[in-house]
Amino acid sequence: MQFDIAVPMLPASNIEQSIMFYRALRFVVVRRYPDPAPDGYAVLRRDALELHLFDWPHARPDNSIAGCFIRVADAPALHREWSALGFAVEGTPSVGPVGPRFWGMNEFTVVDPSGNLLRVGSPIRDLSE
């Protein structure tokens, strides 16, 4: 059996606020459940990347443990794009600084309005070596 994709499902304390945040990052809402109700579930996409948000009003942005890792071709370039949007470098929401990590990745963090942590990275070198 071959697996094709894993899609993160992230809780949203305020799904409308979260959708607005991801739209700023150039994600597009491709589906809402129940559609077009203001709550429930949302499927967002940017290029081949897909994120799912589910309405969870009990989520506490200051105490979230939800998140995912997003591997991209050029993390520094994406960081330049997203940091130009003017988000803080710490807190909720934020786009943290980019830099090399000892495990061979250029990485930065994004924290959405619900406190979900997205680590974004690209290999500094071929990791198969």
N, C-alpha and C. Protein backbone atom coordinates (compact mmCIF):
# COMPACT_ATOMS: atom_id res chain seq x y z
N MET A 1 0.85 -1.18 0.00
CA MET A 1 0.00 0.00 0.00
C MET A 1 0.89 1.24 0.00
N GLN A 2 0.51 2.20 -0.80
CA GLN A 2 1.22 3.48 -0.84
C GLN A 2 0.34 4.57 -0.25
N PHE A 3 0.93 5.37 0.63
CA PHE A 3 0.23 6.51 1.19
C PHE A 3 0.54 7.73 0.34
N ASP A 4 -0.45 8.61 0.18
CA ASP A 4 -0.28 9.78 -0.66
C ASP A 4 -0.05 11.08 0.11
N ILE A 5 -0.80 11.28 1.18
CA ILE A 5 -0.73 12.57 1.85
C ILE A 5 -1.29 12.44 3.27
N ALA A 6 -0.77 13.25 4.17
CA ALA A 6 -1.34 13.41 5.50
C ALA A 6 -1.77 14.86 5.63
N VAL A 7 -2.96 15.09 6.12
CA VAL A 7 -3.49 16.45 6.22
C VAL A 7 -3.70 16.81 7.67
N PRO A 8 -3.04 17.89 8.14
CA PRO A 8 -3.24 18.30 9.53
C PRO A 8 -4.66 18.83 9.76
N MET A 9 -5.24 18.45 10.89
CA MET A 9 -6.53 18.96 11.33
C MET A 9 -6.26 19.78 12.59
N LEU A 10 -6.47 21.09 12.49
CA LEU A 10 -6.11 22.00 13.57
C LEU A 10 -7.35 22.61 14.21
N PRO A 11 -7.38 22.67 15.55
CA PRO A 11 -8.52 23.28 16.22
C PRO A 11 -8.50 24.80 16.05
N ALA A 12 -9.68 25.37 15.93
CA ALA A 12 -9.81 26.82 15.79
C ALA A 12 -10.73 27.34 16.88
N SER A 13 -10.18 28.16 17.77
CA SER A 13 -11.01 28.75 18.83
C SER A 13 -12.03 29.72 18.26
N ASN A 14 -11.70 30.35 17.14
CA ASN A 14 -12.60 31.22 16.39
C ASN A 14 -12.30 30.95 14.92
N ILE A 15 -13.11 30.13 14.29
CA ILE A 15 -12.79 29.66 12.94
C ILE A 15 -12.73 30.80 11.93
N GLU A 16 -13.57 31.81 12.08
CA GLU A 16 -13.52 32.95 11.15
C GLU A 16 -12.20 33.71 11.27
N GLN A 17 -11.76 33.92 12.48
CA GLN A 17 -10.48 34.60 12.72
C GLN A 17 -9.32 33.78 12.15
N SER A 18 -9.38 32.47 12.32
CA SER A 18 -8.33 31.61 11.78
C SER A 18 -8.34 31.62 10.26
N ILE A 19 -9.51 31.58 9.66
CA ILE A 19 -9.60 31.63 8.19
C ILE A 19 -9.01 32.94 7.67
N MET A 20 -9.30 34.04 8.32
CA MET A 20 -8.74 35.33 7.89
C MET A 20 -7.21 35.31 7.96
N PHE A 21 -6.66 34.72 9.01
CA PHE A 21 -5.21 34.60 9.15
C PHE A 21 -4.62 33.81 7.99
N TYR A 22 -5.19 32.65 7.71
CA TYR A 22 -4.65 31.81 6.64
C TYR A 22 -4.87 32.43 5.27
N ARG A 23 -5.94 33.17 5.10
CA ARG A 23 -6.12 33.90 3.83
C ARG A 23 -5.00 34.92 3.64
N ALA A 24 -4.56 35.56 4.71
CA ALA A 24 -3.43 36.50 4.61
C ALA A 24 -2.17 35.78 4.14
N LEU A 25 -2.04 34.48 4.50
CA LEU A 25 -0.90 33.67 4.07
C LEU A 25 -1.13 33.08 2.68
N ARG A 26 -2.17 33.53 2.00
CA ARG A 26 -2.54 33.14 0.64
C ARG A 26 -3.11 31.72 0.53
N PHE A 27 -3.75 31.26 1.60
CA PHE A 27 -4.53 30.03 1.52
C PHE A 27 -5.92 30.38 1.02
N VAL A 28 -6.55 29.46 0.35
CA VAL A 28 -7.90 29.64 -0.18
C VAL A 28 -8.80 28.62 0.51
N VAL A 29 -9.99 29.06 0.91
CA VAL A 29 -10.98 28.15 1.47
C VAL A 29 -11.61 27.41 0.30
N VAL A 30 -11.46 26.09 0.29
CA VAL A 30 -12.03 25.30 -0.79
C VAL A 30 -13.31 24.59 -0.39
N ARG A 31 -13.58 24.50 0.91
CA ARG A 31 -14.81 23.86 1.36
C ARG A 31 -15.10 24.26 2.79
N ARG A 32 -16.38 24.45 3.09
CA ARG A 32 -16.86 24.69 4.46
C ARG A 32 -17.92 23.66 4.78
N TYR A 33 -17.87 23.11 5.97
CA TYR A 33 -18.89 22.18 6.45
C TYR A 33 -19.40 22.70 7.77
N PRO A 34 -20.62 22.85 8.06
CA PRO A 34 -21.65 22.88 7.03
C PRO A 34 -21.50 24.13 6.19
N ASP A 35 -21.66 23.98 4.93
CA ASP A 35 -21.45 25.07 3.96
C ASP A 35 -22.76 25.78 3.73
N PRO A 36 -22.88 27.07 3.88
CA PRO A 36 -21.86 28.07 4.19
C PRO A 36 -21.95 28.59 5.62
N ALA A 37 -22.28 27.76 6.56
CA ALA A 37 -22.43 28.21 7.95
C ALA A 37 -21.11 28.78 8.48
N PRO A 38 -21.18 29.69 9.46
CA PRO A 38 -19.97 30.34 9.96
C PRO A 38 -19.14 29.49 10.91
N ASP A 39 -19.57 28.28 11.20
CA ASP A 39 -18.78 27.43 12.09
C ASP A 39 -18.69 26.04 11.50
N GLY A 40 -18.04 25.16 12.20
CA GLY A 40 -17.96 23.79 11.73
C GLY A 40 -16.56 23.41 11.33
N TYR A 41 -16.31 23.31 10.03
CA TYR A 41 -15.08 22.74 9.50
C TYR A 41 -14.72 23.48 8.23
N ALA A 42 -13.43 23.72 8.02
CA ALA A 42 -12.98 24.41 6.81
C ALA A 42 -11.77 23.70 6.23
N VAL A 43 -11.74 23.57 4.93
CA VAL A 43 -10.62 23.01 4.19
C VAL A 43 -9.94 24.16 3.47
N LEU A 44 -8.65 24.36 3.76
CA LEU A 44 -7.89 25.44 3.13
C LEU A 44 -6.76 24.85 2.30
N ARG A 45 -6.42 25.53 1.23
CA ARG A 45 -5.37 25.01 0.36
C ARG A 45 -4.53 26.16 -0.17
N ARG A 46 -3.25 25.88 -0.27
CA ARG A 46 -2.31 26.74 -0.98
C ARG A 46 -1.42 25.81 -1.78
N ASP A 47 -1.50 25.92 -3.10
CA ASP A 47 -0.80 25.01 -3.98
C ASP A 47 -1.16 23.57 -3.57
N ALA A 48 -0.17 22.71 -3.32
CA ALA A 48 -0.45 21.32 -2.96
C ALA A 48 -0.69 21.14 -1.47
N LEU A 49 -0.47 22.19 -0.67
CA LEU A 49 -0.62 22.09 0.78
C LEU A 49 -2.08 22.27 1.18
N GLU A 50 -2.56 21.37 2.02
CA GLU A 50 -3.93 21.44 2.51
C GLU A 50 -3.92 21.42 4.03
N LEU A 51 -4.71 22.30 4.63
CA LEU A 51 -4.91 22.34 6.07
C LEU A 51 -6.40 22.26 6.34
N HIS A 52 -6.77 21.57 7.40
CA HIS A 52 -8.17 21.51 7.82
C HIS A 52 -8.28 22.19 9.18
N LEU A 53 -9.31 23.00 9.34
CA LEU A 53 -9.60 23.66 10.62
C LEU A 53 -10.95 23.17 11.11
N PHE A 54 -11.02 22.84 12.38
CA PHE A 54 -12.31 22.49 12.95
C PHE A 54 -12.62 23.44 14.10
N ASP A 55 -13.89 23.81 14.17
CA ASP A 55 -14.36 24.74 15.19
C ASP A 55 -14.24 24.09 16.57
N TRP A 56 -13.46 24.72 17.45
CA TRP A 56 -13.28 24.23 18.81
C TRP A 56 -13.19 25.45 19.71
N PRO A 57 -14.34 26.01 20.08
CA PRO A 57 -14.34 27.25 20.87
C PRO A 57 -13.67 27.13 22.23
N HIS A 58 -13.44 25.89 22.70
CA HIS A 58 -12.79 25.68 23.99
C HIS A 58 -11.26 25.73 23.89
N ALA A 59 -10.74 25.82 22.66
CA ALA A 59 -9.29 25.89 22.48
C ALA A 59 -8.75 27.16 23.12
N ARG A 60 -7.63 27.03 23.80
CA ARG A 60 -7.00 28.19 24.44
C ARG A 60 -5.70 28.49 23.70
N PRO A 61 -5.64 29.60 22.98
CA PRO A 61 -4.44 29.93 22.22
C PRO A 61 -3.16 29.97 23.06
N ASP A 62 -3.28 30.30 24.34
CA ASP A 62 -2.10 30.39 25.20
C ASP A 62 -1.67 29.03 25.75
N ASN A 63 -2.42 27.96 25.41
CA ASN A 63 -2.13 26.65 25.97
C ASN A 63 -2.33 25.54 24.92
N SER A 64 -2.09 25.85 23.66
CA SER A 64 -2.31 24.86 22.60
C SER A 64 -1.13 23.90 22.50
N ILE A 65 -1.46 22.65 22.18
CA ILE A 65 -0.42 21.66 21.90
C ILE A 65 -0.54 21.15 20.46
N ALA A 66 -1.40 21.77 19.66
CA ALA A 66 -1.63 21.32 18.29
C ALA A 66 -0.65 21.98 17.32
N GLY A 67 -0.33 21.27 16.26
CA GLY A 67 0.55 21.85 15.26
C GLY A 67 0.91 20.84 14.19
N CYS A 68 1.81 21.25 13.30
CA CYS A 68 2.28 20.38 12.23
C CYS A 68 3.59 20.92 11.68
N PHE A 69 4.26 20.08 10.89
CA PHE A 69 5.47 20.50 10.19
C PHE A 69 5.13 20.59 8.71
N ILE A 70 5.56 21.68 8.09
CA ILE A 70 5.32 21.88 6.66
C ILE A 70 6.67 21.95 5.97
N ARG A 71 6.95 20.99 5.12
CA ARG A 71 8.20 21.00 4.37
C ARG A 71 7.95 21.71 3.04
N VAL A 72 8.80 22.68 2.75
CA VAL A 72 8.70 23.46 1.52
C VAL A 72 10.05 23.44 0.80
N ALA A 73 10.06 23.89 -0.45
CA ALA A 73 11.30 23.90 -1.23
C ALA A 73 12.27 24.97 -0.76
N ASP A 74 11.74 26.12 -0.31
CA ASP A 74 12.59 27.26 0.04
C ASP A 74 11.99 28.02 1.23
N ALA A 75 12.30 27.56 2.44
CA ALA A 75 11.74 28.19 3.65
C ALA A 75 12.14 29.65 3.78
N PRO A 76 13.41 30.05 3.49
CA PRO A 76 13.73 31.47 3.60
C PRO A 76 12.89 32.36 2.68
N ALA A 77 12.59 31.89 1.47
CA ALA A 77 11.76 32.69 0.55
C ALA A 77 10.34 32.81 1.08
N LEU A 78 9.77 31.71 1.58
CA LEU A 78 8.42 31.78 2.14
C LEU A 78 8.41 32.65 3.39
N HIS A 79 9.45 32.57 4.19
CA HIS A 79 9.55 33.42 5.37
C HIS A 79 9.54 34.90 4.98
N ARG A 80 10.28 35.26 3.94
CA ARG A 80 10.28 36.66 3.49
C ARG A 80 8.87 37.10 3.11
N GLU A 81 8.15 36.24 2.41
CA GLU A 81 6.77 36.56 2.01
C GLU A 81 5.87 36.75 3.22
N TRP A 82 5.89 35.79 4.14
CA TRP A 82 4.98 35.83 5.28
C TRP A 82 5.38 36.87 6.32
N SER A 83 6.67 37.08 6.53
CA SER A 83 7.07 38.08 7.52
C SER A 83 6.78 39.49 7.02
N ALA A 84 6.71 39.68 5.71
CA ALA A 84 6.37 41.00 5.15
C ALA A 84 4.93 41.40 5.45
N LEU A 85 4.11 40.46 5.92
CA LEU A 85 2.72 40.77 6.24
C LEU A 85 2.58 41.54 7.55
N GLY A 86 3.65 41.65 8.31
CA GLY A 86 3.64 42.49 9.50
C GLY A 86 3.22 41.80 10.78
N PHE A 87 3.18 40.48 10.81
CA PHE A 87 2.86 39.79 12.06
C PHE A 87 4.03 39.93 13.04
N ALA A 88 3.72 39.83 14.31
CA ALA A 88 4.76 39.85 15.35
C ALA A 88 5.68 38.64 15.17
N VAL A 89 6.87 38.70 15.77
CA VAL A 89 7.79 37.56 15.69
C VAL A 89 7.61 36.60 16.86
N GLU A 90 6.80 36.98 17.83
CA GLU A 90 6.46 36.12 18.96
C GLU A 90 4.99 36.31 19.30
N GLY A 91 4.44 35.34 20.00
CA GLY A 91 3.06 35.48 20.46
C GLY A 91 2.07 34.84 19.51
N THR A 92 0.82 35.27 19.64
CA THR A 92 -0.28 34.70 18.89
C THR A 92 -1.09 35.81 18.26
N PRO A 93 -1.15 35.89 16.93
CA PRO A 93 -0.42 35.12 15.92
C PRO A 93 0.98 35.69 15.70
N SER A 94 1.83 34.89 15.07
CA SER A 94 3.20 35.36 14.81
C SER A 94 3.87 34.56 13.70
N VAL A 95 4.92 35.17 13.16
CA VAL A 95 5.82 34.52 12.21
C VAL A 95 7.22 34.73 12.76
N GLY A 96 7.81 33.65 13.27
CA GLY A 96 9.12 33.74 13.91
C GLY A 96 10.26 33.84 12.91
N PRO A 97 11.47 34.11 13.39
CA PRO A 97 12.62 34.26 12.51
C PRO A 97 13.03 32.93 11.87
N VAL A 98 13.62 33.02 10.69
CA VAL A 98 14.09 31.84 9.98
C VAL A 98 15.58 31.65 10.24
N GLY A 99 16.02 30.40 10.23
CA GLY A 99 17.44 30.14 10.40
C GLY A 99 17.76 28.67 10.29
N PRO A 100 19.05 28.38 10.13
CA PRO A 100 19.49 26.98 10.02
C PRO A 100 19.40 26.28 11.37
N ARG A 101 19.04 25.01 11.33
CA ARG A 101 18.99 24.17 12.52
C ARG A 101 20.06 23.09 12.39
N PHE A 102 20.55 22.60 13.51
CA PHE A 102 21.64 21.63 13.47
C PHE A 102 21.26 20.34 12.76
N TRP A 103 19.96 20.06 12.61
CA TRP A 103 19.52 18.83 11.94
C TRP A 103 19.44 18.99 10.42
N GLY A 104 19.97 20.12 9.89
CA GLY A 104 20.08 20.28 8.45
C GLY A 104 18.91 20.93 7.77
N MET A 105 18.10 21.67 8.52
CA MET A 105 16.95 22.35 7.94
C MET A 105 17.02 23.85 8.22
N ASN A 106 16.57 24.65 7.25
CA ASN A 106 16.24 26.05 7.48
C ASN A 106 14.80 26.05 7.94
N GLU A 107 14.51 26.64 9.10
CA GLU A 107 13.16 26.58 9.65
C GLU A 107 12.74 27.90 10.25
N PHE A 108 11.41 28.05 10.30
CA PHE A 108 10.78 29.13 11.06
C PHE A 108 9.45 28.63 11.58
N THR A 109 8.89 29.37 12.52
CA THR A 109 7.61 28.98 13.11
C THR A 109 6.53 29.99 12.76
N VAL A 110 5.33 29.48 12.70
CA VAL A 110 4.14 30.30 12.55
C VAL A 110 3.18 29.85 13.64
N VAL A 111 2.61 30.80 14.36
CA VAL A 111 1.59 30.50 15.36
C VAL A 111 0.31 31.19 14.89
N ASP A 112 -0.74 30.42 14.70
CA ASP A 112 -1.99 31.01 14.21
C ASP A 112 -2.80 31.58 15.37
N PRO A 113 -3.92 32.25 15.11
CA PRO A 113 -4.69 32.88 16.18
C PRO A 113 -5.20 31.92 17.26
N SER A 114 -5.29 30.63 16.94
CA SER A 114 -5.74 29.64 17.92
C SER A 114 -4.59 29.01 18.69
N GLY A 115 -3.35 29.45 18.41
CA GLY A 115 -2.19 28.94 19.11
C GLY A 115 -1.57 27.71 18.47
N ASN A 116 -2.06 27.29 17.30
CA ASN A 116 -1.47 26.15 16.61
C ASN A 116 -0.09 26.52 16.11
N LEU A 117 0.88 25.61 16.33
CA LEU A 117 2.25 25.84 15.92
C LEU A 117 2.52 25.14 14.60
N LEU A 118 2.91 25.91 13.60
CA LEU A 118 3.34 25.37 12.32
C LEU A 118 4.83 25.60 12.21
N ARG A 119 5.59 24.53 12.09
CA ARG A 119 7.02 24.63 11.83
C ARG A 119 7.17 24.48 10.33
N VAL A 120 7.88 25.41 9.72
CA VAL A 120 8.05 25.42 8.26
C VAL A 120 9.53 25.28 7.97
N GLY A 121 9.89 24.33 7.10
CA GLY A 121 11.30 24.13 6.85
C GLY A 121 11.63 23.57 5.48
N SER A 122 12.88 23.78 5.09
CA SER A 122 13.43 23.21 3.86
C SER A 122 14.83 22.70 4.15
N PRO A 123 15.23 21.63 3.47
CA PRO A 123 16.57 21.08 3.70
C PRO A 123 17.65 22.07 3.30
N ILE A 124 18.70 22.15 4.13
CA ILE A 124 19.88 22.95 3.79
C ILE A 124 20.70 22.17 2.77
N ARG A 125 20.70 20.86 2.93
CA ARG A 125 21.41 19.96 2.02
C ARG A 125 20.54 18.73 1.81
N ASP A 126 20.96 17.89 0.89
CA ASP A 126 20.23 16.65 0.63
C ASP A 126 20.26 15.78 1.87
N LEU A 127 19.08 15.53 2.48
CA LEU A 127 19.01 14.77 3.73
C LEU A 127 19.21 13.27 3.52
N SER A 128 19.29 12.81 2.27
CA SER A 128 19.51 11.39 2.04
C SER A 128 20.99 11.02 2.12
N GLU A 129 21.87 12.00 2.26
CA GLU A 129 23.31 11.73 2.32
C GLU A 129 23.69 11.06 3.62
